[in-house]
Amino acid sequence: MALFELTLILLLIAVALTALSRRLQVPYPSLLALAGAGIAFLPGMPTIEIDPELALALFIAPVLLDAAYDTSLRDLNRNRLPLALLALGAVVFTTAAVALLGWKMAGLPIAAAVALGAIVAPPDAVAASAVLGQFKVPHRITTILQGESLLNDATALLIYRIAVAAALGPFLLSSAAPMVVLSTVGSLVAGYVLGRLSLATLSRIEDAASGTVVQFAGTFGVWILADRLGLSAIITIVVYAMTIAQTAPRRMSARKRVSSYSVWETAVFVLNVLAFVLMGLQARSIVGRLAGTGELDAFVFAAAVLAVVIVSRLIWVLGCGVVIRWFARFGGAEHQPDTPSFRGGVLIGWCGMRGLVTLAAAFALPVEFPARDPIVLAAFTVVLGTLVLQGMSLKPLLRVLKLDPDETVDREVAKARVVVMQAALDVLSGKTSSAAAAVREQYAAQRKIAKNPEDAQAATEYDRLRLYAIKSQRDALEQLRRNGTIGDEAYHRLEEEIDWTELAASPAGRFQPLTTD
């Protein structure tokens, strides 16, 4: 019971810190991890250990699926060069730099040093999505960072598994190569097949709550199944989510979709805040295991690893940008550099927060692994250091960089809205009833709003009047329940209908009802 009570307290603290982070305009993972580390050293606080396999399945699987579901295949294809350079090149470069430091400075065996490099190399999908959601970052940079966070874990964990196997016994890369290829291909196939099976199952479930439960069970099941089969759980989940995202919207009813999105948004938020708080709570057990001889050297080494991780990413990102732009100068106007500007590169290079994957991979090292405790301390230092140093400095960095505002998504929304409204008018053109005329008038007004190129999301008299009327509807509905004319079941059903009407009248979520004065 004590653990349950502590979890509730931590969750409430996390919610309060999240609200504080919005007021201070700093990423909430930074505050949560820092608070968790502080709470861990309070007198009487129990030591909380996270099972690495449970942590990956519980915290990473649903958050990774949520991020992959919203990822555009079109945008990934358009940014394939920067993504490849980050998801593959940056991971390998950072791994090599950290491995060299571990070998030279701490005297780690080569395999152990490479394992440490692979542990701290990949920026975390959870941290990236949590941080980017709080800042107005240009769309292309957001796409690149989110795409990288979906793909780089697979590269790093592949190197990690090979290094751990090499450190614990005889190992031949030639014998492992076929298994690596088979695992990668198998993950792609499994993700697609399981995605199609999930779609077929969900389309047969009518109840919204049951469908949402099946979605969560399917997410955890896909992760566990991929892990048991020796596949890459990360690749499998990403492909699984993207497969569902391409078809599910057409197979789900509006009621199921609204319910599902709401539950997922809340669940992902809860998992995020718990993950970062629990991450900070690991500080006590890590420091406790290192008490005694070599403690100071371990802390110095951990700080050096943090510095190398930050600097190596900046060097790679900015260096690749310079090289690509230099080559593009000789390719003519039709061969523009497929990379962000220098200022965009600085932001991408600085957005390298590490998270739960790094910590879970460190804790998953076998007890007999060479220099396990210093490696775990270094991993924790990198996670906490990048979240605090890089996360909390993002706001002033964005102010200094003065990146041009990106209205790509707004323009696409405005353009698509005109087409959608015209499609409704076309299909109603043959209808002559008075009801059809009223509906056509509504769509015509919405099309006129959508065609406004200056501010397609601005409040208009049409939508203001609709919201004004909706306010009166809510007052009348409330009065009917208060005087006993209707019961709660009828009340909630009508309330849901009015909610959907209000959402339709507030496409940007910014409209306010007219007041009576």
Protein backbone atom coordinates (compact mmCIF):
# COMPACT_ATOMS: atom_id res chain seq x y z
CA MET A 1 0.00 0.00 0.00
CA ALA A 2 2.92 2.32 0.77
CA LEU A 3 4.10 2.08 -2.84
CA PHE A 4 0.62 2.95 -4.12
CA GLU A 5 0.40 5.97 -1.82
CA LEU A 6 3.88 7.10 -2.84
CA THR A 7 2.91 6.78 -6.51
CA LEU A 8 -0.14 8.99 -5.97
CA ILE A 9 1.96 11.60 -4.16
CA LEU A 10 4.59 11.55 -6.90
CA LEU A 11 1.92 11.90 -9.57
CA LEU A 12 0.39 14.94 -7.84
CA ILE A 13 3.85 16.49 -7.41
CA ALA A 14 4.53 15.84 -11.08
CA VAL A 15 1.28 17.55 -12.13
CA ALA A 16 2.14 20.58 -9.98
CA LEU A 17 5.65 20.76 -11.44
CA THR A 18 4.23 20.45 -14.95
CA ALA A 19 2.01 23.46 -14.31
CA LEU A 20 5.02 25.33 -12.92
CA SER A 21 7.07 24.44 -16.00
CA ARG A 22 4.42 26.03 -18.23
CA ARG A 23 4.54 29.24 -16.21
CA LEU A 24 8.35 29.28 -16.34
CA GLN A 25 8.34 28.10 -19.97
CA VAL A 26 10.85 25.32 -19.35
CA PRO A 27 10.42 21.68 -20.44
CA TYR A 28 8.61 19.72 -17.75
CA PRO A 29 10.88 16.63 -18.05
CA SER A 30 13.76 18.77 -16.78
CA LEU A 31 11.91 19.81 -13.62
CA LEU A 32 10.52 16.31 -13.04
CA ALA A 33 13.88 14.54 -13.27
CA LEU A 34 15.52 17.16 -11.06
CA ALA A 35 12.73 16.93 -8.48
CA GLY A 36 12.90 13.15 -8.52
CA ALA A 37 16.63 13.24 -7.79
CA GLY A 38 16.01 15.67 -4.92
CA ILE A 39 13.17 13.61 -3.45
CA ALA A 40 15.33 10.47 -3.57
CA PHE A 41 17.70 11.86 -0.92
CA LEU A 42 14.99 12.96 1.53
CA PRO A 43 15.11 11.07 4.85
CA GLY A 44 12.77 8.11 4.99
CA MET A 45 12.24 7.87 1.25
CA PRO A 46 12.19 4.24 0.06
CA THR A 47 14.56 3.07 -2.63
CA ILE A 48 12.64 2.46 -5.86
CA GLU A 49 14.19 0.17 -8.43
CA ILE A 50 12.84 -0.02 -11.98
CA ASP A 51 13.00 -3.34 -13.77
CA PRO A 52 14.54 -2.43 -17.16
CA GLU A 53 12.31 -4.70 -19.23
CA LEU A 54 9.18 -3.47 -17.45
CA ALA A 55 10.28 0.16 -17.84
CA LEU A 56 10.76 -0.18 -21.59
CA ALA A 57 7.43 -1.93 -22.12
CA LEU A 58 5.41 0.26 -19.75
CA PHE A 59 6.84 3.70 -20.52
CA ILE A 60 8.42 3.50 -23.96
CA ALA A 61 5.97 1.32 -25.91
CA PRO A 62 2.80 3.50 -25.64
CA VAL A 63 4.68 6.80 -25.91
CA LEU A 64 6.60 5.56 -28.94
CA LEU A 65 3.38 4.34 -30.56
CA ASP A 66 1.68 7.68 -29.88
CA ALA A 67 4.58 9.58 -31.49
CA ALA A 68 4.81 7.21 -34.47
CA TYR A 69 1.04 7.37 -35.05
CA ASP A 70 1.28 11.14 -35.57
CA THR A 71 4.41 10.95 -37.74
CA SER A 72 3.98 11.75 -41.42
CA LEU A 73 5.52 9.29 -43.88
CA ARG A 74 5.59 12.13 -46.41
CA ASP A 75 7.64 14.33 -44.08
CA LEU A 76 9.98 11.48 -43.20
CA ASN A 77 10.62 10.87 -46.89
CA ARG A 78 11.24 14.56 -47.56
CA ASN A 79 13.80 14.70 -44.75
CA ARG A 80 15.37 11.29 -45.34
CA LEU A 81 18.94 12.64 -45.62
CA PRO A 82 18.98 14.54 -42.30
CA LEU A 83 17.18 11.64 -40.64
CA ALA A 84 19.70 9.11 -41.91
CA LEU A 85 22.59 11.30 -40.80
CA LEU A 86 21.10 11.60 -37.31
CA ALA A 87 19.52 8.17 -36.73
CA LEU A 88 22.58 6.33 -38.08
CA GLY A 89 25.52 8.68 -38.38
CA ALA A 90 25.11 10.69 -35.17
CA VAL A 91 24.55 7.53 -33.10
CA VAL A 92 27.68 5.84 -34.47
CA PHE A 93 29.78 9.02 -34.13
CA THR A 94 28.67 9.63 -30.52
CA THR A 95 29.19 5.97 -29.65
CA ALA A 96 32.73 6.08 -31.04
CA ALA A 97 33.57 9.33 -29.23
CA VAL A 98 32.30 8.09 -25.86
CA ALA A 99 33.94 4.69 -26.36
CA LEU A 100 37.29 6.36 -27.01
CA LEU A 101 36.90 8.42 -23.83
CA GLY A 102 35.96 5.36 -21.78
CA TRP A 103 38.91 3.39 -23.11
CA LYS A 104 41.49 6.13 -22.63
CA MET A 105 40.23 7.85 -19.46
CA ALA A 106 38.63 5.06 -17.43
CA GLY A 107 40.52 2.08 -18.83
CA LEU A 108 37.34 0.28 -19.86
CA PRO A 109 37.65 -2.77 -22.09
CA ILE A 110 36.84 -1.91 -25.71
CA ALA A 111 33.54 -3.80 -25.70
CA ALA A 112 32.41 -2.20 -22.43
CA ALA A 113 33.39 1.25 -23.71
CA VAL A 114 31.37 0.69 -26.90
CA ALA A 115 28.40 -0.47 -24.81
CA LEU A 116 28.58 2.76 -22.79
CA GLY A 117 28.70 4.78 -26.00
CA ALA A 118 25.64 3.00 -27.38
CA ILE A 119 23.75 3.51 -24.09
CA VAL A 120 24.18 7.30 -24.07
CA ALA A 121 24.11 7.92 -27.85
CA PRO A 122 20.38 8.09 -28.73
CA PRO A 123 18.23 11.10 -27.79
CA ASP A 124 15.00 9.85 -26.30
CA ALA A 125 11.59 9.85 -28.02
CA VAL A 126 9.80 10.55 -24.75
CA ALA A 127 12.02 13.53 -23.92
CA ALA A 128 11.90 14.87 -27.48
CA SER A 129 8.11 14.80 -27.76
CA ALA A 130 7.65 16.25 -24.27
CA VAL A 131 10.08 19.10 -24.88
CA LEU A 132 9.05 19.99 -28.44
CA GLY A 133 5.39 20.15 -27.45
CA GLN A 134 6.05 23.16 -25.22
CA PHE A 135 7.86 25.35 -27.75
CA LYS A 136 6.97 26.84 -31.12
CA VAL A 137 9.64 25.07 -33.13
CA PRO A 138 9.68 25.26 -36.97
CA HIS A 139 7.77 22.35 -38.45
CA ARG A 140 10.69 20.88 -40.37
CA ILE A 141 12.94 20.85 -37.32
CA THR A 142 10.18 19.24 -35.29
CA THR A 143 9.74 16.59 -37.99
CA ILE A 144 13.46 15.83 -38.06
CA LEU A 145 13.81 15.58 -34.28
CA GLN A 146 10.72 13.41 -33.86
CA GLY A 147 11.72 11.18 -36.77
CA GLU A 148 15.21 10.81 -35.35
CA SER A 149 13.89 9.87 -31.92
CA LEU A 150 11.76 7.13 -33.50
CA LEU A 151 14.64 5.56 -35.42
CA ASN A 152 17.87 6.11 -33.52
CA ASP A 153 17.04 3.82 -30.58
CA ALA A 154 17.05 0.82 -32.91
CA THR A 155 20.58 1.69 -34.13
CA ALA A 156 21.91 2.27 -30.62
CA LEU A 157 20.36 -0.86 -29.10
CA LEU A 158 21.73 -2.97 -31.94
CA ILE A 159 25.26 -1.73 -31.20
CA TYR A 160 24.56 -2.16 -27.48
CA ARG A 161 23.56 -5.83 -27.82
CA ILE A 162 26.61 -6.64 -29.92
CA ALA A 163 28.94 -4.88 -27.45
CA VAL A 164 27.41 -6.60 -24.41
CA ALA A 165 27.74 -10.00 -26.07
CA ALA A 166 31.38 -9.25 -26.97
CA ALA A 167 32.19 -8.11 -23.42
CA LEU A 168 30.81 -11.24 -21.78
CA GLY A 169 32.35 -13.89 -23.99
CA PRO A 170 33.71 -14.97 -27.39
CA PHE A 171 31.96 -13.13 -30.19
CA LEU A 172 32.17 -13.22 -33.97
CA LEU A 173 30.66 -10.32 -35.89
CA SER A 174 30.42 -12.45 -39.03
CA SER A 175 28.11 -14.89 -37.29
CA ALA A 176 25.99 -12.09 -35.82
CA ALA A 177 25.50 -10.16 -39.07
CA PRO A 178 22.90 -12.53 -40.58
CA MET A 179 20.91 -12.43 -37.33
CA VAL A 180 21.00 -8.62 -37.34
CA VAL A 181 19.66 -8.48 -40.89
CA LEU A 182 17.02 -11.11 -40.13
CA SER A 183 15.95 -9.25 -36.98
CA THR A 184 15.61 -5.94 -38.84
CA VAL A 185 13.63 -7.40 -41.73
CA GLY A 186 11.55 -9.49 -39.35
CA SER A 187 10.71 -6.40 -37.30
CA LEU A 188 9.47 -4.55 -40.38
CA VAL A 189 7.32 -7.48 -41.49
CA ALA A 190 6.00 -8.20 -37.98
CA GLY A 191 5.07 -4.55 -37.41
CA TYR A 192 3.09 -4.42 -40.66
CA VAL A 193 1.34 -7.79 -40.18
CA LEU A 194 0.44 -7.08 -36.55
CA GLY A 195 -0.83 -3.64 -37.55
CA ARG A 196 -3.18 -5.14 -40.14
CA LEU A 197 -4.41 -7.75 -37.63
CA SER A 198 -5.03 -5.04 -35.06
CA LEU A 199 -7.05 -3.02 -37.58
CA ALA A 200 -9.21 -6.04 -38.38
CA THR A 201 -9.87 -6.61 -34.68
CA LEU A 202 -10.59 -2.98 -33.79
CA SER A 203 -13.01 -2.54 -36.68
CA ARG A 204 -15.24 -5.25 -35.17
CA ILE A 205 -15.43 -3.62 -31.72
CA GLU A 206 -18.31 -1.16 -31.41
CA ASP A 207 -17.87 -0.06 -27.80
CA ALA A 208 -15.46 2.90 -27.52
CA ALA A 209 -14.11 1.94 -24.08
CA SER A 210 -13.47 -1.67 -25.11
CA GLY A 211 -11.73 -0.52 -28.27
CA THR A 212 -9.39 1.74 -26.30
CA VAL A 213 -8.51 -1.08 -23.90
CA VAL A 214 -7.71 -3.34 -26.86
CA GLN A 215 -5.49 -0.62 -28.31
CA PHE A 216 -3.39 -0.46 -25.14
CA ALA A 217 -3.28 -4.24 -24.77
CA GLY A 218 -2.23 -4.55 -28.40
CA THR A 219 0.57 -2.01 -27.92
CA PHE A 220 2.06 -3.84 -24.95
CA GLY A 221 1.48 -7.20 -26.63
CA VAL A 222 3.32 -6.19 -29.80
CA TRP A 223 6.29 -4.94 -27.77
CA ILE A 224 6.48 -8.11 -25.64
CA LEU A 225 6.02 -10.42 -28.63
CA ALA A 226 8.74 -8.68 -30.64
CA ASP A 227 11.12 -8.83 -27.67
CA ARG A 228 10.43 -12.54 -27.07
CA LEU A 229 11.04 -13.34 -30.75
CA GLY A 230 14.39 -11.55 -30.70
CA LEU A 231 13.17 -8.76 -32.98
CA SER A 232 13.67 -5.03 -32.49
CA ALA A 233 10.71 -4.02 -30.36
CA ILE A 234 11.27 -0.37 -31.27
CA ILE A 235 11.21 -0.93 -35.04
CA THR A 236 8.21 -3.25 -34.68
CA ILE A 237 6.20 -0.72 -32.66
CA VAL A 238 7.03 2.15 -35.05
CA VAL A 239 5.97 0.17 -38.13
CA TYR A 240 2.90 -1.14 -36.25
CA ALA A 241 1.80 2.41 -35.37
CA MET A 242 2.38 3.80 -38.85
CA THR A 243 0.44 0.91 -40.40
CA ILE A 244 -2.53 1.60 -38.14
CA ALA A 245 -2.33 5.36 -38.72
CA GLN A 246 -2.74 4.98 -42.48
CA THR A 247 -6.08 3.13 -42.26
CA ALA A 248 -7.60 3.41 -38.78
CA PRO A 249 -9.20 6.88 -39.23
CA ARG A 250 -11.42 5.52 -42.01
CA ARG A 251 -12.44 2.46 -40.00
CA MET A 252 -13.23 4.15 -36.68
CA SER A 253 -16.44 5.96 -35.87
CA ALA A 254 -16.25 9.57 -34.68
CA ARG A 255 -17.35 8.56 -31.18
CA LYS A 256 -14.65 5.90 -30.87
CA ARG A 257 -12.01 8.24 -32.29
CA VAL A 258 -12.79 11.13 -29.93
CA SER A 259 -12.83 8.77 -26.94
CA SER A 260 -9.63 7.03 -27.97
CA TYR A 261 -7.68 10.23 -28.60
CA SER A 262 -8.71 11.66 -25.22
CA VAL A 263 -7.67 8.56 -23.31
CA TRP A 264 -4.36 8.25 -25.14
CA GLU A 265 -3.51 11.90 -24.52
CA THR A 266 -4.10 11.50 -20.78
CA ALA A 267 -2.34 8.13 -20.52
CA VAL A 268 0.75 9.30 -22.39
CA PHE A 269 0.96 12.37 -20.17
CA VAL A 270 0.73 10.24 -16.99
CA LEU A 271 3.38 7.82 -18.26
CA ASN A 272 5.65 10.73 -19.20
CA VAL A 273 5.51 12.41 -15.82
CA LEU A 274 5.92 9.15 -13.88
CA ALA A 275 8.82 8.08 -16.08
CA PHE A 276 10.82 11.25 -15.49
CA VAL A 277 10.10 11.38 -11.74
CA LEU A 278 11.04 7.71 -11.30
CA MET A 279 14.13 8.37 -13.39
CA GLY A 280 15.29 10.97 -10.88
CA LEU A 281 14.53 8.65 -7.95
CA GLN A 282 17.22 6.25 -9.20
CA ALA A 283 19.94 8.69 -8.06
CA ARG A 284 20.02 7.37 -4.51
CA SER A 285 20.60 3.73 -5.38
CA ILE A 286 23.22 4.61 -8.01
CA VAL A 287 25.24 6.82 -5.66
CA GLY A 288 24.85 4.30 -2.84
CA ARG A 289 26.44 1.49 -4.86
CA LEU A 290 29.43 3.70 -5.66
CA ALA A 291 30.12 4.80 -2.08
CA GLY A 292 33.73 4.18 -1.14
CA THR A 293 36.82 3.82 -3.25
CA GLY A 294 36.83 5.33 -6.71
CA GLU A 295 33.70 7.40 -6.12
CA LEU A 296 35.33 10.72 -7.08
CA ASP A 297 36.90 9.23 -10.22
CA ALA A 298 33.53 7.81 -11.25
CA PHE A 299 31.85 11.22 -10.93
CA VAL A 300 34.61 12.94 -12.89
CA PHE A 301 34.34 10.32 -15.61
CA ALA A 302 30.55 10.71 -15.70
CA ALA A 303 30.88 14.49 -16.14
CA ALA A 304 33.38 13.94 -18.95
CA VAL A 305 30.97 11.55 -20.71
CA LEU A 306 28.20 14.17 -20.45
CA ALA A 307 30.44 16.79 -22.05
CA VAL A 308 31.49 14.46 -24.87
CA VAL A 309 27.86 13.49 -25.58
CA ILE A 310 26.77 17.12 -25.92
CA VAL A 311 29.79 18.29 -27.91
CA SER A 312 29.95 15.30 -30.27
CA ARG A 313 26.32 15.78 -31.33
CA LEU A 314 26.88 19.47 -32.04
CA ILE A 315 30.02 18.68 -34.04
CA TRP A 316 28.24 16.02 -36.09
CA VAL A 317 25.09 18.01 -36.82
CA LEU A 318 26.83 21.28 -37.67
CA GLY A 319 29.62 19.52 -39.56
CA CYS A 320 27.20 17.56 -41.73
CA GLY A 321 25.24 20.73 -42.45
CA VAL A 322 28.35 22.57 -43.58
CA VAL A 323 29.47 19.71 -45.82
CA ILE A 324 26.05 19.26 -47.44
CA ARG A 325 25.65 22.98 -48.11
CA TRP A 326 29.19 23.15 -49.52
CA PHE A 327 28.51 20.33 -51.97
CA ALA A 328 25.14 21.83 -52.88
CA ARG A 329 26.83 25.03 -54.04
CA PHE A 330 28.22 23.10 -57.02
CA GLY A 331 24.94 21.37 -57.89
CA GLY A 332 23.04 24.31 -59.29
CA ALA A 333 19.77 25.86 -58.15
CA GLU A 334 17.87 22.60 -58.58
CA HIS A 335 20.09 20.88 -56.00
CA GLN A 336 19.40 22.87 -52.87
CA PRO A 337 20.87 21.52 -49.64
CA ASP A 338 18.59 18.95 -48.03
CA THR A 339 19.46 20.16 -44.55
CA PRO A 340 18.32 22.87 -42.13
CA SER A 341 20.09 26.22 -41.94
CA PHE A 342 22.98 26.84 -39.56
CA ARG A 343 20.61 28.21 -36.91
CA GLY A 344 18.33 25.22 -37.38
CA GLY A 345 21.36 22.95 -37.05
CA VAL A 346 22.29 24.58 -33.74
CA LEU A 347 18.79 23.91 -32.41
CA ILE A 348 18.82 20.29 -33.64
CA GLY A 349 22.27 19.76 -32.17
CA TRP A 350 21.22 21.16 -28.80
CA CYS A 351 17.96 19.14 -28.67
CA GLY A 352 19.73 15.97 -27.60
CA MET A 353 18.00 15.16 -24.34
CA ARG A 354 18.45 11.58 -23.23
CA GLY A 355 15.79 9.69 -21.32
CA LEU A 356 14.39 6.39 -20.20
CA VAL A 357 15.88 4.22 -22.96
CA THR A 358 19.38 5.27 -21.89
CA LEU A 359 18.69 4.57 -18.22
CA ALA A 360 16.90 1.27 -18.87
CA ALA A 361 19.71 0.03 -21.12
CA ALA A 362 22.26 0.86 -18.40
CA PHE A 363 20.28 -0.96 -15.70
CA ALA A 364 19.85 -3.94 -18.03
CA LEU A 365 23.60 -4.60 -18.02
CA PRO A 366 24.37 -7.95 -16.35
CA VAL A 367 25.74 -7.82 -12.80
CA GLU A 368 29.06 -9.30 -13.96
CA PHE A 369 29.50 -6.72 -16.73
CA PRO A 370 32.89 -4.94 -16.53
CA ALA A 371 32.74 -1.57 -14.71
CA ARG A 372 28.95 -1.76 -14.50
CA ASP A 373 28.53 0.79 -11.68
CA PRO A 374 30.59 3.60 -13.28
CA ILE A 375 28.74 3.00 -16.57
CA VAL A 376 25.33 3.24 -14.85
CA LEU A 377 26.42 6.44 -13.08
CA ALA A 378 27.62 7.92 -16.37
CA ALA A 379 24.33 7.04 -18.05
CA PHE A 380 22.32 8.65 -15.26
CA THR A 381 24.51 11.76 -15.35
CA VAL A 382 23.96 12.09 -19.10
CA VAL A 383 20.19 11.72 -18.71
CA LEU A 384 19.88 14.22 -15.87
CA GLY A 385 22.52 16.56 -17.31
CA THR A 386 21.02 16.80 -20.79
CA LEU A 387 17.49 17.24 -19.42
CA VAL A 388 18.57 20.05 -17.10
CA LEU A 389 21.33 21.79 -19.09
CA GLN A 390 19.87 21.48 -22.56
CA GLY A 391 16.19 21.38 -21.66
CA MET A 392 16.20 24.46 -19.44
CA SER A 393 18.30 26.48 -21.87
CA LEU A 394 16.04 25.86 -24.88
CA LYS A 395 13.89 28.95 -24.33
CA PRO A 396 16.81 31.45 -24.25
CA LEU A 397 18.42 29.59 -27.16
CA LEU A 398 15.27 29.97 -29.28
CA ARG A 399 15.21 33.65 -28.40
CA VAL A 400 18.84 34.05 -29.55
CA LEU A 401 18.42 32.03 -32.76
CA LYS A 402 15.31 34.01 -33.85
CA LEU A 403 14.15 31.29 -36.21
CA ASP A 404 11.61 32.36 -38.80
CA PRO A 405 8.03 31.40 -37.91
CA ASP A 406 6.91 28.29 -39.75
CA GLU A 407 3.31 28.31 -40.96
CA THR A 408 3.56 25.14 -43.06
CA VAL A 409 0.90 23.23 -41.13
CA ASP A 410 -1.44 26.25 -40.93
CA ARG A 411 -1.27 26.70 -44.71
CA GLU A 412 -1.92 23.01 -45.33
CA VAL A 413 -4.89 23.06 -42.94
CA ALA A 414 -6.39 26.12 -44.65
CA LYS A 415 -5.94 24.64 -48.12
CA ALA A 416 -7.42 21.27 -47.12
CA ARG A 417 -10.36 22.90 -45.36
CA VAL A 418 -11.44 24.64 -48.59
CA VAL A 419 -11.34 21.32 -50.47
CA VAL A 420 -13.26 19.51 -47.71
CA MET A 421 -16.00 22.14 -47.60
CA GLN A 422 -16.29 22.14 -51.40
CA ALA A 423 -16.68 18.36 -51.39
CA ALA A 424 -19.64 18.70 -49.00
CA LEU A 425 -21.23 21.39 -51.20
CA ASP A 426 -20.79 19.26 -54.32
CA VAL A 427 -22.50 16.23 -52.83
CA LEU A 428 -25.41 18.37 -51.59
CA SER A 429 -25.84 20.24 -54.88
CA GLY A 430 -28.64 17.94 -56.08
CA LYS A 431 -30.66 18.16 -52.87
CA THR A 432 -33.55 20.64 -52.94
CA SER A 433 -35.16 20.33 -49.50
CA SER A 434 -35.15 23.17 -47.00
CA ALA A 435 -32.92 21.14 -44.69
CA ALA A 436 -30.37 20.69 -47.49
CA ALA A 437 -30.45 24.42 -48.18
CA ALA A 438 -29.69 25.16 -44.53
CA VAL A 439 -26.81 22.69 -44.49
CA ARG A 440 -25.44 24.10 -47.77
CA GLU A 441 -25.53 27.58 -46.25
CA GLN A 442 -23.46 26.39 -43.30
CA TYR A 443 -20.84 24.74 -45.51
CA ALA A 444 -20.71 27.77 -47.81
CA ALA A 445 -20.02 30.00 -44.82
CA GLN A 446 -17.27 27.67 -43.61
CA ARG A 447 -15.72 27.56 -47.08
CA LYS A 448 -15.68 31.36 -47.17
CA ILE A 449 -13.87 31.36 -43.84
CA ALA A 450 -11.35 28.79 -45.08
CA LYS A 451 -10.55 30.84 -48.19
CA ASN A 452 -9.39 33.80 -46.12
CA PRO A 453 -5.64 33.78 -46.83
CA GLU A 454 -4.75 36.38 -44.23
CA ASP A 455 -5.91 34.52 -41.13
CA ALA A 456 -7.64 31.23 -41.85
CA GLN A 457 -7.97 30.42 -38.15
CA ALA A 458 -9.42 33.78 -37.04
CA ALA A 459 -12.73 34.02 -35.22
CA THR A 460 -15.58 35.08 -37.49
CA GLU A 461 -19.09 36.36 -36.88
CA TYR A 462 -20.48 33.06 -38.15
CA ASP A 463 -18.65 30.92 -35.61
CA ARG A 464 -19.08 33.47 -32.84
CA LEU A 465 -22.85 33.28 -33.32
CA ARG A 466 -22.77 29.49 -33.29
CA LEU A 467 -20.84 29.50 -30.02
CA TYR A 468 -23.16 32.13 -28.61
CA ALA A 469 -26.12 29.87 -29.40
CA ILE A 470 -24.32 26.85 -27.95
CA LYS A 471 -23.87 28.69 -24.65
CA SER A 472 -27.64 29.18 -24.47
CA GLN A 473 -28.14 25.50 -25.30
CA ARG A 474 -25.92 24.50 -22.40
CA ASP A 475 -27.79 26.78 -20.02
CA ALA A 476 -31.14 25.32 -21.11
CA LEU A 477 -29.84 21.75 -20.81
CA GLU A 478 -28.51 22.45 -17.33
CA GLN A 479 -31.87 23.87 -16.30
CA LEU A 480 -33.69 20.77 -17.59
CA ARG A 481 -31.55 18.52 -15.42
CA ARG A 482 -31.82 20.82 -12.42
CA ASN A 483 -35.61 20.87 -12.44
CA GLY A 484 -35.84 17.10 -12.95
CA THR A 485 -37.23 17.16 -16.50
CA ILE A 486 -34.44 14.88 -17.73
CA GLY A 487 -32.12 12.42 -16.02
CA ASP A 488 -28.34 12.22 -16.14
CA GLU A 489 -28.21 9.70 -18.99
CA ALA A 490 -30.20 11.97 -21.30
CA TYR A 491 -28.23 14.96 -20.04
CA HIS A 492 -24.84 13.44 -20.86
CA ARG A 493 -25.97 12.23 -24.28
CA LEU A 494 -27.14 15.73 -25.26
CA GLU A 495 -24.05 17.23 -23.66
CA GLU A 496 -21.86 15.10 -25.92
CA GLU A 497 -23.78 16.23 -29.01
CA ILE A 498 -23.33 19.89 -28.02
CA ASP A 499 -19.64 19.25 -27.34
CA TRP A 500 -19.12 17.98 -30.87
CA THR A 501 -21.00 20.95 -32.30
CA GLU A 502 -18.80 23.30 -30.29
CA LEU A 503 -15.66 21.57 -31.54
CA ALA A 504 -16.90 21.98 -35.11
CA ALA A 505 -17.42 25.69 -34.50
CA SER A 506 -13.96 26.09 -32.94
CA PRO A 507 -11.47 24.51 -35.39
CA ALA A 508 -8.51 26.30 -33.84
CA GLY A 509 -9.72 26.06 -30.26
CA ARG A 510 -9.42 29.84 -29.93
CA PHE A 511 -12.96 31.12 -30.52
CA GLN A 512 -14.82 32.65 -27.61
CA PRO A 513 -18.61 32.94 -27.35
CA LEU A 514 -20.17 36.38 -27.65
CA THR A 515 -21.16 38.01 -24.42
CA THR A 516 -24.56 39.55 -23.89
CA ASP A 517 -23.27 43.03 -23.20
